[in-house]
Amino acid sequence: MARVEKIPTAPFNPFYGCAIMVMAALIFGGIIAWSAYSLFEQDKAIAAFASDQPDKFAPIELAPEARAALEKKLSDFAGSQTQELSLSIAELNALLLIAPDTGYGVYTDMLRFQRTEPAANRVVARVSLPMNHIKFWEGRKRYLIGEVAYEVVVHDAGVDAKAVDAKVPGKTVPEGFIAGLGTWTLLGPYQKVEPVGSALKKVKKATVTADGILLKSGE
């Protein structure tokens, strides 16, 4: 059988291989440069409305008998003794005080519920939310100080609240930041903390009222 022999038709030229490597390096470097540029631009945009110091909230006052009454309301609903749970603005703030620490910090230093927007199914809170600087290794924080509107929703994990608007007095909060803020739901950290997670899943309907929130475990 005749053997096939490859015969070069042109002299060897390393230019093509080098050109491909250079192009790959430029593309890779461009991706890194664009990512860094985007990150710094985002950091600059956040710095335009963020504050270097947190806002201080007054302590939440909760008498022992009020705490016991609220805990009974919660346990009756969680244990199916009642199918409805009505929570006022004051009780929502009291929940911040008695809610367990999920490891991500407690909400008592971060927000206070102020009012409701029933037409949009929202609760509005005064906030002092900590955020990282781009130089996260320095251990410093900055803060979103203003108001955040949370839309109350019900999904597979039960009732939750998603940030849909944010206002800082005298400053503009970019829509992109608000969209990103909405990915971290208010009750998300509690969905895997028992017995709270199971109680959240009992909620099938949540309605924002003029006074607070009405939760129902049945249709």
C-alpha atoms as a PDB file:
ATOM      1  CA  MET A   1       0.000   0.000   0.000  1.00  0.00           C
ATOM      2  CA  ALA A   2       1.265   3.440  -0.861  1.00  0.00           C
ATOM      3  CA  ARG A   3       2.074   5.635   2.110  1.00  0.00           C
ATOM      4  CA  VAL A   4       0.554   9.114   2.250  1.00  0.00           C
ATOM      5  CA  GLU A   5       3.207  11.751   2.751  1.00  0.00           C
ATOM      6  CA  LYS A   6       2.385  15.326   3.706  1.00  0.00           C
ATOM      7  CA  ILE A   7       4.476  17.838   1.830  1.00  0.00           C
ATOM      8  CA  PRO A   8       4.343  21.507   2.989  1.00  0.00           C
ATOM      9  CA  THR A   9       3.270  23.832   0.224  1.00  0.00           C
ATOM     10  CA  ALA A  10       4.688  26.936   1.940  1.00  0.00           C
ATOM     11  CA  PRO A  11       7.466  27.686   4.412  1.00  0.00           C
ATOM     12  CA  PHE A  12       6.656  27.548   8.145  1.00  0.00           C
ATOM     13  CA  ASN A  13       5.442  30.876   9.585  1.00  0.00           C
ATOM     14  CA  PRO A  14       4.876  31.299  13.326  1.00  0.00           C
ATOM     15  CA  PHE A  15       2.981  34.560  12.769  1.00  0.00           C
ATOM     16  CA  TYR A  16      -0.473  32.961  12.629  1.00  0.00           C
ATOM     17  CA  GLY A  17      -0.114  31.144  15.939  1.00  0.00           C
ATOM     18  CA  CYS A  18       1.267  34.249  17.628  1.00  0.00           C
ATOM     19  CA  ALA A  19      -1.554  36.349  16.201  1.00  0.00           C
ATOM     20  CA  ILE A  20      -4.150  33.978  17.628  1.00  0.00           C
ATOM     21  CA  MET A  21      -2.493  34.064  21.065  1.00  0.00           C
ATOM     22  CA  VAL A  22      -2.311  37.874  20.997  1.00  0.00           C
ATOM     23  CA  MET A  23      -5.974  38.132  20.016  1.00  0.00           C
ATOM     24  CA  ALA A  24      -6.964  35.740  22.819  1.00  0.00           C
ATOM     25  CA  ALA A  25      -4.911  37.753  25.316  1.00  0.00           C
ATOM     26  CA  LEU A  26      -6.509  41.013  24.151  1.00  0.00           C
ATOM     27  CA  ILE A  27     -10.015  39.566  24.467  1.00  0.00           C
ATOM     28  CA  PHE A  28      -9.281  38.156  27.925  1.00  0.00           C
ATOM     29  CA  GLY A  29      -7.647  41.402  29.039  1.00  0.00           C
ATOM     30  CA  GLY A  30     -10.576  43.391  27.652  1.00  0.00           C
ATOM     31  CA  ILE A  31     -13.042  41.323  29.655  1.00  0.00           C
ATOM     32  CA  ILE A  32     -11.052  41.905  32.839  1.00  0.00           C
ATOM     33  CA  ALA A  33     -10.691  45.619  32.121  1.00  0.00           C
ATOM     34  CA  TRP A  34     -14.404  46.034  31.387  1.00  0.00           C
ATOM     35  CA  SER A  35     -15.355  44.098  34.517  1.00  0.00           C
ATOM     36  CA  ALA A  36     -13.067  46.268  36.644  1.00  0.00           C
ATOM     37  CA  TYR A  37     -14.401  49.441  35.019  1.00  0.00           C
ATOM     38  CA  SER A  38     -18.017  48.361  35.623  1.00  0.00           C
ATOM     39  CA  LEU A  39     -17.242  47.497  39.236  1.00  0.00           C
ATOM     40  CA  PHE A  40     -15.635  50.872  39.911  1.00  0.00           C
ATOM     41  CA  GLU A  41     -18.489  52.701  38.170  1.00  0.00           C
ATOM     42  CA  GLN A  42     -21.042  50.815  40.281  1.00  0.00           C
ATOM     43  CA  ASP A  43     -19.071  51.637  43.399  1.00  0.00           C
ATOM     44  CA  LYS A  44     -19.010  55.321  42.418  1.00  0.00           C
ATOM     45  CA  ALA A  45     -22.775  55.311  41.771  1.00  0.00           C
ATOM     46  CA  ILE A  46     -23.473  53.769  45.199  1.00  0.00           C
ATOM     47  CA  ALA A  47     -21.144  56.260  46.898  1.00  0.00           C
ATOM     48  CA  ALA A  48     -23.242  59.094  45.441  1.00  0.00           C
ATOM     49  CA  PHE A  49     -26.241  58.219  47.651  1.00  0.00           C
ATOM     50  CA  ALA A  50     -24.704  56.178  50.485  1.00  0.00           C
ATOM     51  CA  SER A  51     -23.616  57.537  53.884  1.00  0.00           C
ATOM     52  CA  ASP A  52     -20.473  56.699  55.803  1.00  0.00           C
ATOM     53  CA  GLN A  53     -22.228  56.533  59.175  1.00  0.00           C
ATOM     54  CA  PRO A  54     -25.316  54.512  60.156  1.00  0.00           C
ATOM     55  CA  ASP A  55     -28.584  56.030  61.293  1.00  0.00           C
ATOM     56  CA  LYS A  56     -29.455  55.338  64.907  1.00  0.00           C
ATOM     57  CA  PHE A  57     -32.943  54.084  65.712  1.00  0.00           C
ATOM     58  CA  ALA A  58     -34.681  54.459  69.032  1.00  0.00           C
ATOM     59  CA  PRO A  59     -34.968  51.160  70.933  1.00  0.00           C
ATOM     60  CA  ILE A  60     -38.141  49.161  70.337  1.00  0.00           C
ATOM     61  CA  GLU A  61     -40.294  49.255  73.447  1.00  0.00           C
ATOM     62  CA  LEU A  62     -42.051  45.956  74.151  1.00  0.00           C
ATOM     63  CA  ALA A  63     -43.628  45.301  77.538  1.00  0.00           C
ATOM     64  CA  PRO A  64     -43.547  41.694  78.813  1.00  0.00           C
ATOM     65  CA  GLU A  65     -47.321  41.306  78.521  1.00  0.00           C
ATOM     66  CA  ALA A  66     -47.299  42.690  74.952  1.00  0.00           C
ATOM     67  CA  ARG A  67     -44.519  40.292  74.026  1.00  0.00           C
ATOM     68  CA  ALA A  68     -46.415  37.346  75.502  1.00  0.00           C
ATOM     69  CA  ALA A  69     -49.582  38.332  73.605  1.00  0.00           C
ATOM     70  CA  LEU A  70     -47.692  38.639  70.311  1.00  0.00           C
ATOM     71  CA  GLU A  71     -45.912  35.323  70.804  1.00  0.00           C
ATOM     72  CA  LYS A  72     -49.285  33.667  71.503  1.00  0.00           C
ATOM     73  CA  LYS A  73     -50.734  35.099  68.284  1.00  0.00           C
ATOM     74  CA  LEU A  74     -47.777  33.726  66.351  1.00  0.00           C
ATOM     75  CA  SER A  75     -47.888  30.288  67.974  1.00  0.00           C
ATOM     76  CA  ASP A  76     -51.665  29.985  67.463  1.00  0.00           C
ATOM     77  CA  PHE A  77     -51.239  30.731  63.770  1.00  0.00           C
ATOM     78  CA  ALA A  78     -48.223  28.440  63.380  1.00  0.00           C
ATOM     79  CA  GLY A  79     -50.043  25.654  65.201  1.00  0.00           C
ATOM     80  CA  SER A  80     -53.199  26.058  63.086  1.00  0.00           C
ATOM     81  CA  GLN A  81     -55.363  27.166  66.010  1.00  0.00           C
ATOM     82  CA  THR A  82     -56.208  30.209  63.880  1.00  0.00           C
ATOM     83  CA  GLN A  83     -56.209  30.658  60.106  1.00  0.00           C
ATOM     84  CA  GLU A  84     -55.679  34.410  60.131  1.00  0.00           C
ATOM     85  CA  LEU A  85     -52.921  36.543  61.606  1.00  0.00           C
ATOM     86  CA  SER A  86     -53.266  40.313  61.689  1.00  0.00           C
ATOM     87  CA  LEU A  87     -50.106  42.301  62.446  1.00  0.00           C
ATOM     88  CA  SER A  88     -50.065  46.056  63.007  1.00  0.00           C
ATOM     89  CA  ILE A  89     -47.110  48.301  62.197  1.00  0.00           C
ATOM     90  CA  ALA A  90     -46.181  48.301  65.896  1.00  0.00           C
ATOM     91  CA  GLU A  91     -46.313  44.492  65.969  1.00  0.00           C
ATOM     92  CA  LEU A  92     -44.185  44.249  62.817  1.00  0.00           C
ATOM     93  CA  ASN A  93     -41.530  46.311  64.584  1.00  0.00           C
ATOM     94  CA  ALA A  94     -41.915  44.162  67.692  1.00  0.00           C
ATOM     95  CA  LEU A  95     -41.209  41.124  65.509  1.00  0.00           C
ATOM     96  CA  LEU A  96     -37.835  42.652  64.694  1.00  0.00           C
ATOM     97  CA  LEU A  97     -37.035  42.490  68.381  1.00  0.00           C
ATOM     98  CA  ILE A  98     -38.086  38.901  69.024  1.00  0.00           C
ATOM     99  CA  ALA A  99     -36.961  37.369  65.716  1.00  0.00           C
ATOM    100  CA  PRO A 100     -33.936  35.039  66.030  1.00  0.00           C
ATOM    101  CA  ASP A 101     -30.513  35.979  64.678  1.00  0.00           C
ATOM    102  CA  THR A 102     -29.984  34.044  61.442  1.00  0.00           C
ATOM    103  CA  GLY A 103     -26.252  34.760  61.330  1.00  0.00           C
ATOM    104  CA  TYR A 104     -26.672  37.725  58.994  1.00  0.00           C
ATOM    105  CA  GLY A 105     -27.323  40.226  61.771  1.00  0.00           C
ATOM    106  CA  VAL A 106     -30.549  41.441  63.348  1.00  0.00           C
ATOM    107  CA  TYR A 107     -32.961  43.860  61.738  1.00  0.00           C
ATOM    108  CA  THR A 108     -33.404  46.019  64.845  1.00  0.00           C
ATOM    109  CA  ASP A 109     -30.382  48.112  63.824  1.00  0.00           C
ATOM    110  CA  MET A 110     -31.347  48.198  60.136  1.00  0.00           C
ATOM    111  CA  LEU A 111     -34.985  49.220  59.813  1.00  0.00           C
ATOM    112  CA  ARG A 112     -38.249  50.408  61.337  1.00  0.00           C
ATOM    113  CA  PHE A 113     -41.596  49.939  59.645  1.00  0.00           C
ATOM    114  CA  GLN A 114     -43.335  53.291  59.201  1.00  0.00           C
ATOM    115  CA  ARG A 115     -46.517  52.932  57.172  1.00  0.00           C
ATOM    116  CA  THR A 116     -48.374  50.854  54.586  1.00  0.00           C
ATOM    117  CA  GLU A 117     -49.375  51.345  50.951  1.00  0.00           C
ATOM    118  CA  PRO A 118     -52.362  48.991  50.624  1.00  0.00           C
ATOM    119  CA  ALA A 119     -53.033  49.787  46.939  1.00  0.00           C
ATOM    120  CA  ALA A 120     -49.565  48.489  46.018  1.00  0.00           C
ATOM    121  CA  ASN A 121     -49.498  45.785  48.751  1.00  0.00           C
ATOM    122  CA  ARG A 122     -46.409  47.402  50.255  1.00  0.00           C
ATOM    123  CA  VAL A 123     -45.007  48.266  53.646  1.00  0.00           C
ATOM    124  CA  VAL A 124     -42.588  51.180  53.885  1.00  0.00           C
ATOM    125  CA  ALA A 125     -39.663  51.160  56.298  1.00  0.00           C
ATOM    126  CA  ARG A 126     -37.109  53.695  57.405  1.00  0.00           C
ATOM    127  CA  VAL A 127     -33.771  51.982  56.826  1.00  0.00           C
ATOM    128  CA  SER A 128     -30.087  52.106  57.649  1.00  0.00           C
ATOM    129  CA  LEU A 129     -28.840  49.205  55.543  1.00  0.00           C
ATOM    130  CA  PRO A 130     -25.107  48.355  55.678  1.00  0.00           C
ATOM    131  CA  MET A 131     -23.278  47.853  52.375  1.00  0.00           C
ATOM    132  CA  ASN A 132     -19.702  46.964  51.500  1.00  0.00           C
ATOM    133  CA  HIS A 133     -17.223  49.318  49.863  1.00  0.00           C
ATOM    134  CA  ILE A 134     -15.392  48.073  46.780  1.00  0.00           C
ATOM    135  CA  LYS A 135     -12.353  47.840  49.099  1.00  0.00           C
ATOM    136  CA  PHE A 136     -14.069  45.160  51.145  1.00  0.00           C
ATOM    137  CA  TRP A 137     -10.822  44.137  52.782  1.00  0.00           C
ATOM    138  CA  GLU A 138     -10.721  47.387  54.762  1.00  0.00           C
ATOM    139  CA  GLY A 139     -13.613  46.241  56.917  1.00  0.00           C
ATOM    140  CA  ARG A 140     -15.525  49.518  56.549  1.00  0.00           C
ATOM    141  CA  LYS A 141     -19.222  49.836  55.751  1.00  0.00           C
ATOM    142  CA  ARG A 142     -21.408  52.459  54.165  1.00  0.00           C
ATOM    143  CA  TYR A 143     -25.156  52.781  54.605  1.00  0.00           C
ATOM    144  CA  LEU A 144     -28.345  53.257  52.642  1.00  0.00           C
ATOM    145  CA  ILE A 145     -30.242  55.730  54.807  1.00  0.00           C
ATOM    146  CA  GLY A 146     -33.748  56.636  53.751  1.00  0.00           C
ATOM    147  CA  GLU A 147     -36.940  54.726  52.981  1.00  0.00           C
ATOM    148  CA  VAL A 148     -37.440  51.369  51.290  1.00  0.00           C
ATOM    149  CA  ALA A 149     -40.811  50.086  50.082  1.00  0.00           C
ATOM    150  CA  TYR A 150     -41.251  46.326  50.398  1.00  0.00           C
ATOM    151  CA  GLU A 151     -43.868  44.509  48.336  1.00  0.00           C
ATOM    152  CA  VAL A 152     -45.426  41.666  50.321  1.00  0.00           C
ATOM    153  CA  VAL A 153     -45.562  38.477  48.249  1.00  0.00           C
ATOM    154  CA  VAL A 154     -46.335  34.785  48.690  1.00  0.00           C
ATOM    155  CA  HIS A 155     -44.281  32.115  46.903  1.00  0.00           C
ATOM    156  CA  ASP A 156     -43.270  28.490  47.407  1.00  0.00           C
ATOM    157  CA  ALA A 157     -41.369  29.297  50.602  1.00  0.00           C
ATOM    158  CA  GLY A 158     -44.331  31.208  52.024  1.00  0.00           C
ATOM    159  CA  VAL A 159     -44.770  34.893  52.739  1.00  0.00           C
ATOM    160  CA  ASP A 160     -41.911  37.258  51.967  1.00  0.00           C
ATOM    161  CA  ALA A 161     -41.181  40.941  51.302  1.00  0.00           C
ATOM    162  CA  LYS A 162     -39.200  42.255  48.329  1.00  0.00           C
ATOM    163  CA  ALA A 163     -37.663  45.722  48.028  1.00  0.00           C
ATOM    164  CA  VAL A 164     -39.210  47.487  45.035  1.00  0.00           C
ATOM    165  CA  ASP A 165     -38.357  51.137  45.696  1.00  0.00           C
ATOM    166  CA  ALA A 166     -35.799  53.128  47.667  1.00  0.00           C
ATOM    167  CA  LYS A 167     -35.601  56.840  48.422  1.00  0.00           C
ATOM    168  CA  VAL A 168     -32.739  58.838  49.936  1.00  0.00           C
ATOM    169  CA  PRO A 169     -33.560  62.485  50.719  1.00  0.00           C
ATOM    170  CA  GLY A 170     -31.894  64.837  48.229  1.00  0.00           C
ATOM    171  CA  LYS A 171     -30.268  62.007  46.255  1.00  0.00           C
ATOM    172  CA  THR A 172     -31.157  59.692  43.375  1.00  0.00           C
ATOM    173  CA  VAL A 173     -31.048  55.940  43.856  1.00  0.00           C
ATOM    174  CA  PRO A 174     -30.415  54.185  40.486  1.00  0.00           C
ATOM    175  CA  GLU A 175     -33.039  51.732  39.259  1.00  0.00           C
ATOM    176  CA  GLY A 176     -30.344  49.095  38.797  1.00  0.00           C
ATOM    177  CA  PHE A 177     -29.417  49.281  42.461  1.00  0.00           C
ATOM    178  CA  ILE A 178     -33.058  48.922  43.495  1.00  0.00           C
ATOM    179  CA  ALA A 179     -33.395  45.853  41.265  1.00  0.00           C
ATOM    180  CA  GLY A 180     -30.300  44.359  42.893  1.00  0.00           C
ATOM    181  CA  LEU A 181     -31.624  45.191  46.359  1.00  0.00           C
ATOM    182  CA  GLY A 182     -34.788  43.277  45.527  1.00  0.00           C
ATOM    183  CA  THR A 183     -32.882  40.021  45.103  1.00  0.00           C
ATOM    184  CA  TRP A 184     -32.258  39.937  48.883  1.00  0.00           C
ATOM    185  CA  THR A 185     -35.748  39.415  50.262  1.00  0.00           C
ATOM    186  CA  LEU A 186     -36.574  40.495  53.785  1.00  0.00           C
ATOM    187  CA  LEU A 187     -37.639  37.082  55.087  1.00  0.00           C
ATOM    188  CA  GLY A 188     -35.257  35.004  52.989  1.00  0.00           C
ATOM    189  CA  PRO A 189     -32.799  34.400  55.877  1.00  0.00           C
ATOM    190  CA  TYR A 190     -35.616  32.915  57.998  1.00  0.00           C
ATOM    191  CA  GLN A 191     -36.888  30.375  55.476  1.00  0.00           C
ATOM    192  CA  LYS A 192     -34.443  27.719  56.695  1.00  0.00           C
ATOM    193  CA  VAL A 193     -34.665  28.616  60.391  1.00  0.00           C
ATOM    194  CA  GLU A 194     -37.143  26.456  62.293  1.00  0.00           C
ATOM    195  CA  PRO A 195     -39.816  26.789  63.483  1.00  0.00           C
ATOM    196  CA  VAL A 196     -40.042  30.122  61.630  1.00  0.00           C
ATOM    197  CA  GLY A 197     -39.564  28.586  58.172  1.00  0.00           C
ATOM    198  CA  SER A 198     -42.496  26.203  58.613  1.00  0.00           C
ATOM    199  CA  ALA A 199     -44.709  29.036  59.866  1.00  0.00           C
ATOM    200  CA  LEU A 200     -43.867  31.147  56.815  1.00  0.00           C
ATOM    201  CA  LYS A 201     -44.875  28.277  54.516  1.00  0.00           C
ATOM    202  CA  LYS A 202     -48.314  28.136  56.123  1.00  0.00           C
ATOM    203  CA  VAL A 203     -49.163  31.529  54.655  1.00  0.00           C
ATOM    204  CA  LYS A 204     -51.205  31.207  51.456  1.00  0.00           C
ATOM    205  CA  LYS A 205     -52.329  34.811  51.158  1.00  0.00           C
ATOM    206  CA  ALA A 206     -50.913  38.115  52.418  1.00  0.00           C
ATOM    207  CA  THR A 207     -52.758  41.420  52.206  1.00  0.00           C
ATOM    208  CA  VAL A 208     -51.402  44.808  53.230  1.00  0.00           C
ATOM    209  CA  THR A 209     -54.068  46.799  55.059  1.00  0.00           C
ATOM    210  CA  ALA A 210     -54.272  50.387  56.266  1.00  0.00           C
ATOM    211  CA  ASP A 211     -52.987  49.262  59.682  1.00  0.00           C
ATOM    212  CA  GLY A 212     -50.510  46.505  58.814  1.00  0.00           C
ATOM    213  CA  ILE A 213     -50.598  43.043  57.241  1.00  0.00           C
ATOM    214  CA  LEU A 214     -53.237  40.307  57.219  1.00  0.00           C
ATOM    215  CA  LEU A 215     -51.926  36.754  56.698  1.00  0.00           C
ATOM    216  CA  LYS A 216     -54.112  33.765  55.898  1.00  0.00           C
ATOM    217  CA  SER A 217     -53.177  30.080  56.034  1.00  0.00           C
ATOM    218  CA  GLY A 218     -56.119  29.030  53.801  1.00  0.00           C
ATOM    219  CA  GLU A 219     -57.492  30.231  50.502  1.00  0.00           C
END
